[in-house]
């Protein structure tokens, strides 16, 4: 992917003195690249973003003041964000009784949909992705004035988070990521559905892999994004919970219990765990009318958040050469960190 070098832009430190006309907001001067021959992306602080996301990201970084009980969800795109948002909503904000039997949640539970916020709107409406809400299709509550405990989300890398979020003793961060091969395939399907709809030929997969491995893609580089949060989680495990999508799929009850405990909302019984796992299952969420139709962000159908969610789907698409290209990049980036996503 070709890139063009703009004039030098100073880093946007965590000073509150930045103004709209400050150099930090001169997005047109940032280095640029063309993502998948479909949209421009620009490089800010070593990562790549759609240009419209940079100013909200800078504003968040320079003005946001964390509360002691804030929870920030973070993730690279297409690594389990929707699932994580649904789980945290259920754990923190919307516990409801659900009818169960000895065999688990039964058909009568459908009656509880009327009380379940997940049935009323997409999880991305209830938990805002801070930097992308400028593209929202309908009004959202003001993140900065919502009552505590505040629950919000970002795709931003750790290095550009507000200092108050990093340093507030009570503010917690939950990060989720995924095997890079499945991440790439999920990104490929997602962006093809937006950039090349209605039967157009998908973007060549080998070129998509090149973009992914080079890091020149939306919110890239993926591997740097993951490694930053991983290293911080190892330093401060009570501050940052690092989740792997594959482990959540393999042991959902154990991982959801770990998540609830980290959030300070431990379950009182196994029945409660089963309720949350069921309420947030991909099969249940994708069948809600609100997730079949409509859009939370302009140009992004709600249905695009619910494709397969399968582990190992990359095996249906990647040639051995492309698989090795991603694996080689992962080994190089994660060497010596103790992090392994290949066998997650």
C-alpha atoms as a PDB file:
ATOM      1  CA  UNK A   1       0.000   0.000   0.000  1.00  0.00           C
ATOM      2  CA  UNK A   2       1.447   3.328  -1.022  1.00  0.00           C
ATOM      3  CA  UNK A   3       1.802   6.019   1.590  1.00  0.00           C
ATOM      4  CA  UNK A   4       2.413   9.725   1.280  1.00  0.00           C
ATOM      5  CA  UNK A   5       4.403  11.742   3.772  1.00  0.00           C
ATOM      6  CA  UNK A   6       2.851  14.963   4.967  1.00  0.00           C
ATOM      7  CA  UNK A   7       4.562  17.670   6.990  1.00  0.00           C
ATOM      8  CA  UNK A   8       5.672  16.865  10.502  1.00  0.00           C
ATOM      9  CA  UNK A   9       2.982  16.907  13.169  1.00  0.00           C
ATOM     10  CA  UNK A  10       3.960  17.076  16.837  1.00  0.00           C
ATOM     11  CA  UNK A  11       2.640  14.397  19.166  1.00  0.00           C
ATOM     12  CA  UNK A  12      -0.513  15.354  21.019  1.00  0.00           C
ATOM     13  CA  UNK A  13       0.560  14.960  24.607  1.00  0.00           C
ATOM     14  CA  UNK A  14      -1.975  14.900  27.399  1.00  0.00           C
ATOM     15  CA  UNK A  15      -1.998  18.681  27.804  1.00  0.00           C
ATOM     16  CA  UNK A  16      -5.386  20.352  28.107  1.00  0.00           C
ATOM     17  CA  UNK A  17      -4.134  23.434  26.252  1.00  0.00           C
ATOM     18  CA  UNK A  18      -4.742  22.017  22.768  1.00  0.00           C
ATOM     19  CA  UNK A  19      -7.238  24.015  20.724  1.00  0.00           C
ATOM     20  CA  UNK A  20      -9.103  23.122  17.536  1.00  0.00           C
ATOM     21  CA  UNK A  21      -6.618  25.092  15.429  1.00  0.00           C
ATOM     22  CA  UNK A  22      -3.598  23.501  17.132  1.00  0.00           C
ATOM     23  CA  UNK A  23      -1.209  21.413  15.016  1.00  0.00           C
ATOM     24  CA  UNK A  24      -2.575  18.274  16.649  1.00  0.00           C
ATOM     25  CA  UNK A  25      -5.820  18.763  14.750  1.00  0.00           C
ATOM     26  CA  UNK A  26      -4.319  19.419  11.311  1.00  0.00           C
ATOM     27  CA  UNK A  27      -5.329  16.050  10.037  1.00  0.00           C
ATOM     28  CA  UNK A  28      -4.705  17.021   6.431  1.00  0.00           C
ATOM     29  CA  UNK A  29      -0.980  17.270   7.195  1.00  0.00           C
ATOM     30  CA  UNK A  30      -0.634  13.745   8.569  1.00  0.00           C
ATOM     31  CA  UNK A  31       0.970  10.969   6.474  1.00  0.00           C
ATOM     32  CA  UNK A  32      -1.668   9.286   4.300  1.00  0.00           C
ATOM     33  CA  UNK A  33      -2.334   5.926   2.692  1.00  0.00           C
ATOM     34  CA  UNK A  34      -5.137   4.384   0.675  1.00  0.00           C
ATOM     35  CA  UNK A  35      -6.860   1.520   2.493  1.00  0.00           C
ATOM     36  CA  UNK A  36      -8.037  -1.268   0.185  1.00  0.00           C
ATOM     37  CA  UNK A  37      -8.378   1.205  -2.697  1.00  0.00           C
ATOM     38  CA  UNK A  38     -11.522   2.425  -0.935  1.00  0.00           C
ATOM     39  CA  UNK A  39     -10.775   5.058   1.702  1.00  0.00           C
ATOM     40  CA  UNK A  40      -7.997   7.277   2.957  1.00  0.00           C
ATOM     41  CA  UNK A  41      -6.374   6.590   6.288  1.00  0.00           C
ATOM     42  CA  UNK A  42      -3.821   8.757   8.060  1.00  0.00           C
ATOM     43  CA  UNK A  43      -1.050   8.013  10.539  1.00  0.00           C
ATOM     44  CA  UNK A  44      -1.245   9.619  13.958  1.00  0.00           C
ATOM     45  CA  UNK A  45       0.976   8.632  16.867  1.00  0.00           C
ATOM     46  CA  UNK A  46       2.262   5.636  14.919  1.00  0.00           C
ATOM     47  CA  UNK A  47      -1.174   4.143  14.180  1.00  0.00           C
ATOM     48  CA  UNK A  48      -3.547   4.417  11.206  1.00  0.00           C
ATOM     49  CA  UNK A  49      -7.037   5.905  11.340  1.00  0.00           C
ATOM     50  CA  UNK A  50      -9.826   7.072   9.106  1.00  0.00           C
ATOM     51  CA  UNK A  51      -9.190  10.854   9.165  1.00  0.00           C
ATOM     52  CA  UNK A  52     -12.526  11.702  10.780  1.00  0.00           C
ATOM     53  CA  UNK A  53     -11.579   9.695  13.868  1.00  0.00           C
ATOM     54  CA  UNK A  54      -8.427  11.624  14.718  1.00  0.00           C
ATOM     55  CA  UNK A  55      -9.947  14.792  16.143  1.00  0.00           C
ATOM     56  CA  UNK A  56     -12.373  12.914  18.459  1.00  0.00           C
ATOM     57  CA  UNK A  57      -9.445  10.746  19.570  1.00  0.00           C
ATOM     58  CA  UNK A  58      -7.350  13.819  20.359  1.00  0.00           C
ATOM     59  CA  UNK A  59     -10.261  15.406  22.214  1.00  0.00           C
ATOM     60  CA  UNK A  60     -10.736  12.257  24.280  1.00  0.00           C
ATOM     61  CA  UNK A  61      -7.045  12.093  25.059  1.00  0.00           C
ATOM     62  CA  UNK A  62      -6.682  15.713  26.073  1.00  0.00           C
ATOM     63  CA  UNK A  63      -9.949  16.458  27.881  1.00  0.00           C
ATOM     64  CA  UNK A  64     -11.365  13.275  29.374  1.00  0.00           C
ATOM     65  CA  UNK A  65     -11.302  12.928  33.140  1.00  0.00           C
ATOM     66  CA  UNK A  66     -11.779   9.389  34.388  1.00  0.00           C
ATOM     67  CA  UNK A  67     -13.995   8.578  37.353  1.00  0.00           C
ATOM     68  CA  UNK A  68     -12.854   6.124  39.983  1.00  0.00           C
ATOM     69  CA  UNK A  69     -15.456   3.566  38.882  1.00  0.00           C
ATOM     70  CA  UNK A  70     -15.210   3.943  35.081  1.00  0.00           C
ATOM     71  CA  UNK A  71     -14.844   0.831  32.933  1.00  0.00           C
ATOM     72  CA  UNK A  72     -13.188   1.174  29.542  1.00  0.00           C
ATOM     73  CA  UNK A  73     -13.575  -1.682  27.085  1.00  0.00           C
ATOM     74  CA  UNK A  74     -10.852  -1.799  24.442  1.00  0.00           C
ATOM     75  CA  UNK A  75     -10.213  -3.967  21.403  1.00  0.00           C
ATOM     76  CA  UNK A  76      -8.897  -4.031  17.868  1.00  0.00           C
ATOM     77  CA  UNK A  77     -11.788  -4.167  15.365  1.00  0.00           C
ATOM     78  CA  UNK A  78     -13.404  -7.550  14.708  1.00  0.00           C
ATOM     79  CA  UNK A  79     -12.027  -9.354  17.756  1.00  0.00           C
ATOM     80  CA  UNK A  80     -15.156  -9.822  19.879  1.00  0.00           C
ATOM     81  CA  UNK A  81     -16.141  -6.226  20.632  1.00  0.00           C
ATOM     82  CA  UNK A  82     -19.895  -6.748  20.245  1.00  0.00           C
ATOM     83  CA  UNK A  83     -19.842  -9.798  22.510  1.00  0.00           C
ATOM     84  CA  UNK A  84     -17.786  -8.024  25.164  1.00  0.00           C
ATOM     85  CA  UNK A  85     -20.128  -5.034  25.154  1.00  0.00           C
ATOM     86  CA  UNK A  86     -23.164  -7.285  25.582  1.00  0.00           C
ATOM     87  CA  UNK A  87     -21.543  -9.211  28.441  1.00  0.00           C
ATOM     88  CA  UNK A  88     -20.524  -6.086  30.335  1.00  0.00           C
ATOM     89  CA  UNK A  89     -23.975  -4.564  29.886  1.00  0.00           C
ATOM     90  CA  UNK A  90     -25.561  -7.643  31.409  1.00  0.00           C
ATOM     91  CA  UNK A  91     -23.068  -7.842  34.259  1.00  0.00           C
ATOM     92  CA  UNK A  92     -23.058  -4.163  35.207  1.00  0.00           C
ATOM     93  CA  UNK A  93     -26.239  -2.445  34.102  1.00  0.00           C
ATOM     94  CA  UNK A  94     -29.124  -4.742  33.274  1.00  0.00           C
ATOM     95  CA  UNK A  95     -29.446  -7.810  35.492  1.00  0.00           C
ATOM     96  CA  UNK A  96     -32.877  -9.370  34.986  1.00  0.00           C
ATOM     97  CA  UNK A  97     -34.395 -12.613  36.259  1.00  0.00           C
ATOM     98  CA  UNK A  98     -34.711 -15.271  33.562  1.00  0.00           C
ATOM     99  CA  UNK A  99     -36.762 -18.430  33.868  1.00  0.00           C
ATOM    100  CA  UNK A 100     -34.629 -21.556  34.011  1.00  0.00           C
ATOM    101  CA  UNK A 101     -35.052 -25.278  34.340  1.00  0.00           C
ATOM    102  CA  UNK A 102     -32.720 -28.108  35.255  1.00  0.00           C
ATOM    103  CA  UNK A 103     -31.534 -28.144  31.657  1.00  0.00           C
ATOM    104  CA  UNK A 104     -30.764 -24.438  31.654  1.00  0.00           C
ATOM    105  CA  UNK A 105     -32.587 -21.427  30.226  1.00  0.00           C
ATOM    106  CA  UNK A 106     -35.892 -22.529  28.707  1.00  0.00           C
ATOM    107  CA  UNK A 107     -38.284 -21.196  26.120  1.00  0.00           C
ATOM    108  CA  UNK A 108     -40.213 -19.161  28.666  1.00  0.00           C
ATOM    109  CA  UNK A 109     -37.209 -16.861  28.887  1.00  0.00           C
ATOM    110  CA  UNK A 110     -38.353 -15.232  25.660  1.00  0.00           C
ATOM    111  CA  UNK A 111     -40.925 -13.373  27.724  1.00  0.00           C
ATOM    112  CA  UNK A 112     -38.089 -11.521  29.420  1.00  0.00           C
ATOM    113  CA  UNK A 113     -37.030  -9.904  26.159  1.00  0.00           C
ATOM    114  CA  UNK A 114     -39.310  -6.991  27.032  1.00  0.00           C
ATOM    115  CA  UNK A 115     -37.044  -6.207  29.999  1.00  0.00           C
ATOM    116  CA  UNK A 116     -33.748  -6.833  28.239  1.00  0.00           C
ATOM    117  CA  UNK A 117     -31.955  -3.814  26.778  1.00  0.00           C
ATOM    118  CA  UNK A 118     -30.106  -6.145  24.404  1.00  0.00           C
ATOM    119  CA  UNK A 119     -33.447  -6.843  22.718  1.00  0.00           C
ATOM    120  CA  UNK A 120     -34.178  -3.142  22.328  1.00  0.00           C
ATOM    121  CA  UNK A 121     -31.015  -1.915  20.648  1.00  0.00           C
ATOM    122  CA  UNK A 122     -27.650  -3.044  19.362  1.00  0.00           C
ATOM    123  CA  UNK A 123     -24.883  -3.319  22.005  1.00  0.00           C
ATOM    124  CA  UNK A 124     -22.933  -0.615  20.155  1.00  0.00           C
ATOM    125  CA  UNK A 125     -25.729   1.851  20.894  1.00  0.00           C
ATOM    126  CA  UNK A 126     -25.659   1.157  24.618  1.00  0.00           C
ATOM    127  CA  UNK A 127     -21.861   1.304  24.935  1.00  0.00           C
ATOM    128  CA  UNK A 128     -20.347   4.024  22.802  1.00  0.00           C
ATOM    129  CA  UNK A 129     -17.109   3.635  20.918  1.00  0.00           C
ATOM    130  CA  UNK A 130     -15.799   7.034  21.888  1.00  0.00           C
ATOM    131  CA  UNK A 131     -13.946   8.100  18.776  1.00  0.00           C
ATOM    132  CA  UNK A 132     -16.558   6.945  16.230  1.00  0.00           C
ATOM    133  CA  UNK A 133     -19.758   8.382  17.702  1.00  0.00           C
ATOM    134  CA  UNK A 134     -19.481  11.313  15.280  1.00  0.00           C
ATOM    135  CA  UNK A 135     -20.860   8.854  12.714  1.00  0.00           C
ATOM    136  CA  UNK A 136     -23.830   7.810  14.842  1.00  0.00           C
ATOM    137  CA  UNK A 137     -27.204   7.560  13.119  1.00  0.00           C
ATOM    138  CA  UNK A 138     -29.194   8.687  16.162  1.00  0.00           C
ATOM    139  CA  UNK A 139     -28.567  10.682  19.331  1.00  0.00           C
ATOM    140  CA  UNK A 140     -26.488   9.124  22.086  1.00  0.00           C
ATOM    141  CA  UNK A 141     -26.147  10.214  25.688  1.00  0.00           C
ATOM    142  CA  UNK A 142     -23.199  12.493  26.358  1.00  0.00           C
ATOM    143  CA  UNK A 143     -20.403  10.227  27.518  1.00  0.00           C
ATOM    144  CA  UNK A 144     -18.879  12.916  29.674  1.00  0.00           C
ATOM    145  CA  UNK A 145     -22.039  13.537  31.706  1.00  0.00           C
ATOM    146  CA  UNK A 146     -23.538  10.056  32.096  1.00  0.00           C
ATOM    147  CA  UNK A 147     -23.972   8.800  35.674  1.00  0.00           C
ATOM    148  CA  UNK A 148     -21.513   6.435  37.273  1.00  0.00           C
ATOM    149  CA  UNK A 149     -20.466   3.773  36.802  1.00  0.00           C
ATOM    150  CA  UNK A 150     -19.686   4.782  33.227  1.00  0.00           C
ATOM    151  CA  UNK A 151     -19.139   2.033  30.684  1.00  0.00           C
ATOM    152  CA  UNK A 152     -17.586   2.930  27.355  1.00  0.00           C
ATOM    153  CA  UNK A 153     -15.391   1.521  24.590  1.00  0.00           C
ATOM    154  CA  UNK A 154     -12.516   2.404  22.304  1.00  0.00           C
ATOM    155  CA  UNK A 155     -10.509   0.870  19.452  1.00  0.00           C
ATOM    156  CA  UNK A 156      -7.661   3.268  20.235  1.00  0.00           C
ATOM    157  CA  UNK A 157      -4.199   1.950  21.110  1.00  0.00           C
ATOM    158  CA  UNK A 158      -3.112   2.127  24.742  1.00  0.00           C
ATOM    159  CA  UNK A 159      -0.485   4.788  24.085  1.00  0.00           C
ATOM    160  CA  UNK A 160      -3.094   7.454  23.206  1.00  0.00           C
ATOM    161  CA  UNK A 161      -5.509   6.823  26.064  1.00  0.00           C
ATOM    162  CA  UNK A 162      -6.004   9.731  28.474  1.00  0.00           C
ATOM    163  CA  UNK A 163      -3.578   9.804  31.381  1.00  0.00           C
ATOM    164  CA  UNK A 164      -6.527   9.962  33.757  1.00  0.00           C
ATOM    165  CA  UNK A 165      -7.794   6.622  32.425  1.00  0.00           C
ATOM    166  CA  UNK A 166      -4.377   5.030  32.784  1.00  0.00           C
ATOM    167  CA  UNK A 167      -3.634   6.465  36.214  1.00  0.00           C
ATOM    168  CA  UNK A 168      -6.986   6.567  38.030  1.00  0.00           C
ATOM    169  CA  UNK A 169      -6.731   3.828  40.696  1.00  0.00           C
ATOM    170  CA  UNK A 170     -10.333   2.664  40.330  1.00  0.00           C
ATOM    171  CA  UNK A 171     -10.804   2.998  36.571  1.00  0.00           C
ATOM    172  CA  UNK A 172     -10.529  -0.441  34.961  1.00  0.00           C
ATOM    173  CA  UNK A 173      -9.758  -1.543  31.419  1.00  0.00           C
ATOM    174  CA  UNK A 174     -11.040  -4.754  29.814  1.00  0.00           C
ATOM    175  CA  UNK A 175      -9.281  -5.702  26.584  1.00  0.00           C
ATOM    176  CA  UNK A 176     -10.257  -8.434  24.156  1.00  0.00           C
ATOM    177  CA  UNK A 177      -8.364  -9.726  21.150  1.00  0.00           C
ATOM    178  CA  UNK A 178      -8.310 -12.698  18.842  1.00  0.00           C
ATOM    179  CA  UNK A 179      -6.126 -14.990  16.738  1.00  0.00           C
ATOM    180  CA  UNK A 180      -4.724 -12.654  14.046  1.00  0.00           C
ATOM    181  CA  UNK A 181      -5.739 -15.004  11.218  1.00  0.00           C
ATOM    182  CA  UNK A 182      -9.396 -15.036  12.249  1.00  0.00           C
ATOM    183  CA  UNK A 183      -9.175 -11.293  12.878  1.00  0.00           C
ATOM    184  CA  UNK A 184      -7.963 -10.724   9.330  1.00  0.00           C
ATOM    185  CA  UNK A 185     -10.701 -12.884   7.804  1.00  0.00           C
ATOM    186  CA  UNK A 186     -13.365 -11.130   9.878  1.00  0.00           C
ATOM    187  CA  UNK A 187     -12.002  -7.735   8.804  1.00  0.00           C
ATOM    188  CA  UNK A 188     -11.953  -8.906   5.198  1.00  0.00           C
ATOM    189  CA  UNK A 189     -15.624  -9.905   5.273  1.00  0.00           C
ATOM    190  CA  UNK A 190     -16.629  -6.768   7.193  1.00  0.00           C
ATOM    191  CA  UNK A 191     -14.935  -4.247   4.922  1.00  0.00           C
ATOM    192  CA  UNK A 192     -15.935  -6.107   1.760  1.00  0.00           C
ATOM    193  CA  UNK A 193     -19.567  -5.844   2.875  1.00  0.00           C
ATOM    194  CA  UNK A 194     -19.133  -2.067   3.165  1.00  0.00           C
ATOM    195  CA  UNK A 195     -16.739  -1.252   0.332  1.00  0.00           C
ATOM    196  CA  UNK A 196     -17.798  -3.904  -2.205  1.00  0.00           C
ATOM    197  CA  UNK A 197     -21.488  -4.705  -1.684  1.00  0.00           C
ATOM    198  CA  UNK A 198     -24.059  -6.155  -4.075  1.00  0.00           C
ATOM    199  CA  UNK A 199     -21.983  -8.908  -5.599  1.00  0.00           C
ATOM    200  CA  UNK A 200     -18.842  -6.908  -6.368  1.00  0.00           C
ATOM    201  CA  UNK A 201     -15.612  -8.902  -6.355  1.00  0.00           C
ATOM    202  CA  UNK A 202     -14.065  -8.949  -2.870  1.00  0.00           C
ATOM    203  CA  UNK A 203     -10.774  -7.203  -2.279  1.00  0.00           C
ATOM    204  CA  UNK A 204      -7.918  -9.611  -3.133  1.00  0.00           C
ATOM    205  CA  UNK A 205      -7.137 -11.583   0.006  1.00  0.00           C
ATOM    206  CA  UNK A 206      -3.383 -11.609  -0.577  1.00  0.00           C
ATOM    207  CA  UNK A 207      -3.380  -7.811  -0.694  1.00  0.00           C
ATOM    208  CA  UNK A 208      -5.504  -7.659   2.460  1.00  0.00           C
ATOM    209  CA  UNK A 209      -2.932  -9.875   4.210  1.00  0.00           C
ATOM    210  CA  UNK A 210      -0.131  -7.569   3.046  1.00  0.00           C
ATOM    211  CA  UNK A 211      -1.948  -4.563   4.521  1.00  0.00           C
ATOM    212  CA  UNK A 212      -2.618  -6.412   7.761  1.00  0.00           C
ATOM    213  CA  UNK A 213       0.967  -7.585   8.228  1.00  0.00           C
ATOM    214  CA  UNK A 214       2.429  -4.187   7.311  1.00  0.00           C
ATOM    215  CA  UNK A 215       0.105  -2.505   9.827  1.00  0.00           C
ATOM    216  CA  UNK A 216      -1.282  -0.038   7.279  1.00  0.00           C
ATOM    217  CA  UNK A 217      -4.973  -0.595   7.956  1.00  0.00           C
ATOM    218  CA  UNK A 218      -7.769   0.918  10.023  1.00  0.00           C
ATOM    219  CA  UNK A 219      -6.553   1.105  13.675  1.00  0.00           C
ATOM    220  CA  UNK A 220      -3.373  -0.721  12.664  1.00  0.00           C
ATOM    221  CA  UNK A 221      -0.853  -2.051  13.322  1.00  0.00           C
ATOM    222  CA  UNK A 222      -2.873  -4.865  14.885  1.00  0.00           C
ATOM    223  CA  UNK A 223       0.141  -6.554  16.454  1.00  0.00           C
ATOM    224  CA  UNK A 224       1.416  -3.379  18.135  1.00  0.00           C
ATOM    225  CA  UNK A 225      -2.096  -2.643  19.421  1.00  0.00           C
ATOM    226  CA  UNK A 226      -2.359  -6.051  21.054  1.00  0.00           C
ATOM    227  CA  UNK A 227       1.175  -6.046  22.437  1.00  0.00           C
ATOM    228  CA  UNK A 228       0.775  -2.673  24.178  1.00  0.00           C
ATOM    229  CA  UNK A 229      -2.284  -3.788  26.116  1.00  0.00           C
ATOM    230  CA  UNK A 230      -0.759  -7.193  26.833  1.00  0.00           C
ATOM    231  CA  UNK A 231       2.399  -5.731  28.371  1.00  0.00           C
ATOM    232  CA  UNK A 232       0.414  -3.276  30.477  1.00  0.00           C
ATOM    233  CA  UNK A 233      -1.889  -6.062  31.664  1.00  0.00           C
ATOM    234  CA  UNK A 234       1.146  -8.016  32.820  1.00  0.00           C
ATOM    235  CA  UNK A 235       2.404  -5.040  34.789  1.00  0.00           C
ATOM    236  CA  UNK A 236      -0.998  -4.190  36.308  1.00  0.00           C
ATOM    237  CA  UNK A 237      -3.329  -7.197  36.287  1.00  0.00           C
ATOM    238  CA  UNK A 238      -5.747  -5.547  38.720  1.00  0.00           C
ATOM    239  CA  UNK A 239      -6.041  -2.574  36.331  1.00  0.00           C
ATOM    240  CA  UNK A 240      -6.272  -4.316  32.945  1.00  0.00           C
ATOM    241  CA  UNK A 241      -7.999  -7.616  32.208  1.00  0.00           C
ATOM    242  CA  UNK A 242      -6.709  -9.200  28.980  1.00  0.00           C
ATOM    243  CA  UNK A 243      -9.201 -11.577  27.353  1.00  0.00           C
ATOM    244  CA  UNK A 244      -8.814 -13.864  24.367  1.00  0.00           C
ATOM    245  CA  UNK A 245     -11.835 -14.469  22.161  1.00  0.00           C
ATOM    246  CA  UNK A 246     -10.991 -18.158  21.735  1.00  0.00           C
ATOM    247  CA  UNK A 247     -10.862 -18.767  25.475  1.00  0.00           C
ATOM    248  CA  UNK A 248     -14.224 -17.040  25.859  1.00  0.00           C
ATOM    249  CA  UNK A 249     -15.654 -19.371  23.207  1.00  0.00           C
ATOM    250  CA  UNK A 250     -14.046 -22.463  24.698  1.00  0.00           C
ATOM    251  CA  UNK A 251     -14.876 -21.816  28.372  1.00  0.00           C
ATOM    252  CA  UNK A 252     -17.615 -19.165  28.383  1.00  0.00           C
ATOM    253  CA  UNK A 253     -18.795 -19.664  31.954  1.00  0.00           C
ATOM    254  CA  UNK A 254     -15.282 -19.591  33.426  1.00  0.00           C
ATOM    255  CA  UNK A 255     -14.287 -16.516  31.420  1.00  0.00           C
ATOM    256  CA  UNK A 256     -17.524 -14.663  32.176  1.00  0.00           C
ATOM    257  CA  UNK A 257     -17.063 -15.355  35.884  1.00  0.00           C
ATOM    258  CA  UNK A 258     -13.525 -13.982  35.640  1.00  0.00           C
ATOM    259  CA  UNK A 259     -14.859 -10.882  33.887  1.00  0.00           C
ATOM    260  CA  UNK A 260     -17.578 -10.301  36.483  1.00  0.00           C
ATOM    261  CA  UNK A 261     -15.121 -10.667  39.362  1.00  0.00           C
ATOM    262  CA  UNK A 262     -12.731  -8.206  37.730  1.00  0.00           C
ATOM    263  CA  UNK A 263     -15.577  -5.714  37.374  1.00  0.00           C
ATOM    264  CA  UNK A 264     -16.445  -6.100  41.046  1.00  0.00           C
ATOM    265  CA  UNK A 265     -19.759  -7.806  40.267  1.00  0.00           C
ATOM    266  CA  UNK A 266     -19.168 -11.478  41.114  1.00  0.00           C
ATOM    267  CA  UNK A 267     -22.032 -13.882  40.515  1.00  0.00           C
ATOM    268  CA  UNK A 268     -23.937 -15.349  43.419  1.00  0.00           C
ATOM    269  CA  UNK A 269     -24.693 -18.634  41.662  1.00  0.00           C
ATOM    270  CA  UNK A 270     -23.973 -20.746  38.607  1.00  0.00           C
ATOM    271  CA  UNK A 271     -27.499 -20.005  37.461  1.00  0.00           C
ATOM    272  CA  UNK A 272     -26.656 -16.309  37.141  1.00  0.00           C
ATOM    273  CA  UNK A 273     -23.598 -17.145  35.048  1.00  0.00           C
ATOM    274  CA  UNK A 274     -25.686 -19.312  32.722  1.00  0.00           C
ATOM    275  CA  UNK A 275     -28.226 -16.505  32.336  1.00  0.00           C
ATOM    276  CA  UNK A 276     -25.607 -14.011  31.204  1.00  0.00           C
ATOM    277  CA  UNK A 277     -23.910 -16.456  28.834  1.00  0.00           C
ATOM    278  CA  UNK A 278     -27.274 -17.260  27.256  1.00  0.00           C
ATOM    279  CA  UNK A 279     -28.444 -13.648  27.012  1.00  0.00           C
ATOM    280  CA  UNK A 280     -25.254 -12.641  25.219  1.00  0.00           C
ATOM    281  CA  UNK A 281     -24.918 -15.621  22.908  1.00  0.00           C
ATOM    282  CA  UNK A 282     -24.355 -14.776  19.256  1.00  0.00           C
ATOM    283  CA  UNK A 283     -27.259 -17.035  18.274  1.00  0.00           C
ATOM    284  CA  UNK A 284     -29.674 -15.068  20.461  1.00  0.00           C
ATOM    285  CA  UNK A 285     -28.404 -11.601  19.591  1.00  0.00           C
ATOM    286  CA  UNK A 286     -28.377 -12.096  15.818  1.00  0.00           C
ATOM    287  CA  UNK A 287     -32.066 -13.087  15.879  1.00  0.00           C
ATOM    288  CA  UNK A 288     -33.266  -9.825  17.421  1.00  0.00           C
ATOM    289  CA  UNK A 289     -34.969  -7.628  14.856  1.00  0.00           C
ATOM    290  CA  UNK A 290     -32.819  -4.671  15.890  1.00  0.00           C
ATOM    291  CA  UNK A 291     -29.697  -6.592  14.862  1.00  0.00           C
ATOM    292  CA  UNK A 292     -31.144  -7.780  11.566  1.00  0.00           C
ATOM    293  CA  UNK A 293     -32.030  -4.284  10.391  1.00  0.00           C
ATOM    294  CA  UNK A 294     -31.008  -0.696  10.908  1.00  0.00           C
ATOM    295  CA  UNK A 295     -27.673   0.907  11.589  1.00  0.00           C
ATOM    296  CA  UNK A 296     -25.931   2.484  14.565  1.00  0.00           C
ATOM    297  CA  UNK A 297     -23.151   4.011  12.444  1.00  0.00           C
ATOM    298  CA  UNK A 298     -23.661   5.483   8.983  1.00  0.00           C
ATOM    299  CA  UNK A 299     -22.807   2.939   6.306  1.00  0.00           C
ATOM    300  CA  UNK A 300     -22.476   0.029   8.743  1.00  0.00           C
ATOM    301  CA  UNK A 301     -25.521  -2.286   8.942  1.00  0.00           C
ATOM    302  CA  UNK A 302     -26.201  -3.742  12.388  1.00  0.00           C
ATOM    303  CA  UNK A 303     -26.280  -7.186  10.778  1.00  0.00           C
ATOM    304  CA  UNK A 304     -22.578  -6.854   9.868  1.00  0.00           C
ATOM    305  CA  UNK A 305     -21.658  -7.307  13.543  1.00  0.00           C
ATOM    306  CA  UNK A 306     -23.111 -10.823  13.550  1.00  0.00           C
ATOM    307  CA  UNK A 307     -21.511 -12.957  10.845  1.00  0.00           C
ATOM    308  CA  UNK A 308     -20.175 -16.297  12.140  1.00  0.00           C
ATOM    309  CA  UNK A 309     -18.089 -15.699  15.231  1.00  0.00           C
ATOM    310  CA  UNK A 310     -16.382 -19.048  14.630  1.00  0.00           C
ATOM    311  CA  UNK A 311     -12.914 -20.014  15.793  1.00  0.00           C
ATOM    312  CA  UNK A 312     -10.628 -21.215  12.995  1.00  0.00           C
ATOM    313  CA  UNK A 313     -12.673 -19.805  10.115  1.00  0.00           C
ATOM    314  CA  UNK A 314      -9.389 -18.652   8.560  1.00  0.00           C
ATOM    315  CA  UNK A 315      -8.729 -22.244   7.490  1.00  0.00           C
ATOM    316  CA  UNK A 316     -11.491 -21.852   4.901  1.00  0.00           C
ATOM    317  CA  UNK A 317      -9.741 -18.925   3.222  1.00  0.00           C
ATOM    318  CA  UNK A 318      -5.991 -18.646   3.777  1.00  0.00           C
ATOM    319  CA  UNK A 319      -3.489 -20.522   1.640  1.00  0.00           C
ATOM    320  CA  UNK A 320      -0.504 -22.048   3.478  1.00  0.00           C
ATOM    321  CA  UNK A 321       1.620 -19.145   2.195  1.00  0.00           C
ATOM    322  CA  UNK A 322      -0.743 -16.484   3.529  1.00  0.00           C
ATOM    323  CA  UNK A 323      -1.116 -18.358   6.819  1.00  0.00           C
ATOM    324  CA  UNK A 324       2.650 -18.447   7.225  1.00  0.00           C
ATOM    325  CA  UNK A 325       2.949 -14.756   6.382  1.00  0.00           C
ATOM    326  CA  UNK A 326       0.637 -13.858   9.280  1.00  0.00           C
ATOM    327  CA  UNK A 327       2.248 -16.377  11.644  1.00  0.00           C
ATOM    328  CA  UNK A 328       5.719 -15.083  10.834  1.00  0.00           C
ATOM    329  CA  UNK A 329       4.639 -11.517  11.551  1.00  0.00           C
ATOM    330  CA  UNK A 330       3.057 -12.578  14.854  1.00  0.00           C
ATOM    331  CA  UNK A 331       6.187 -14.461  15.941  1.00  0.00           C
ATOM    332  CA  UNK A 332       8.359 -11.473  15.120  1.00  0.00           C
ATOM    333  CA  UNK A 333       6.130  -8.971  16.920  1.00  0.00           C
ATOM    334  CA  UNK A 334       5.367 -11.029  20.032  1.00  0.00           C
ATOM    335  CA  UNK A 335       8.797 -12.636  20.530  1.00  0.00           C
ATOM    336  CA  UNK A 336       9.877 -12.504  24.146  1.00  0.00           C
ATOM    337  CA  UNK A 337       6.570 -11.058  25.387  1.00  0.00           C
ATOM    338  CA  UNK A 338       5.025 -14.297  26.606  1.00  0.00           C
ATOM    339  CA  UNK A 339       1.971 -13.667  24.437  1.00  0.00           C
ATOM    340  CA  UNK A 340       0.722 -16.317  22.029  1.00  0.00           C
ATOM    341  CA  UNK A 341      -2.450 -15.897  19.987  1.00  0.00           C
ATOM    342  CA  UNK A 342      -1.754 -18.541  17.389  1.00  0.00           C
ATOM    343  CA  UNK A 343      -3.075 -21.415  19.506  1.00  0.00           C
ATOM    344  CA  UNK A 344      -5.562 -19.425  21.550  1.00  0.00           C
END
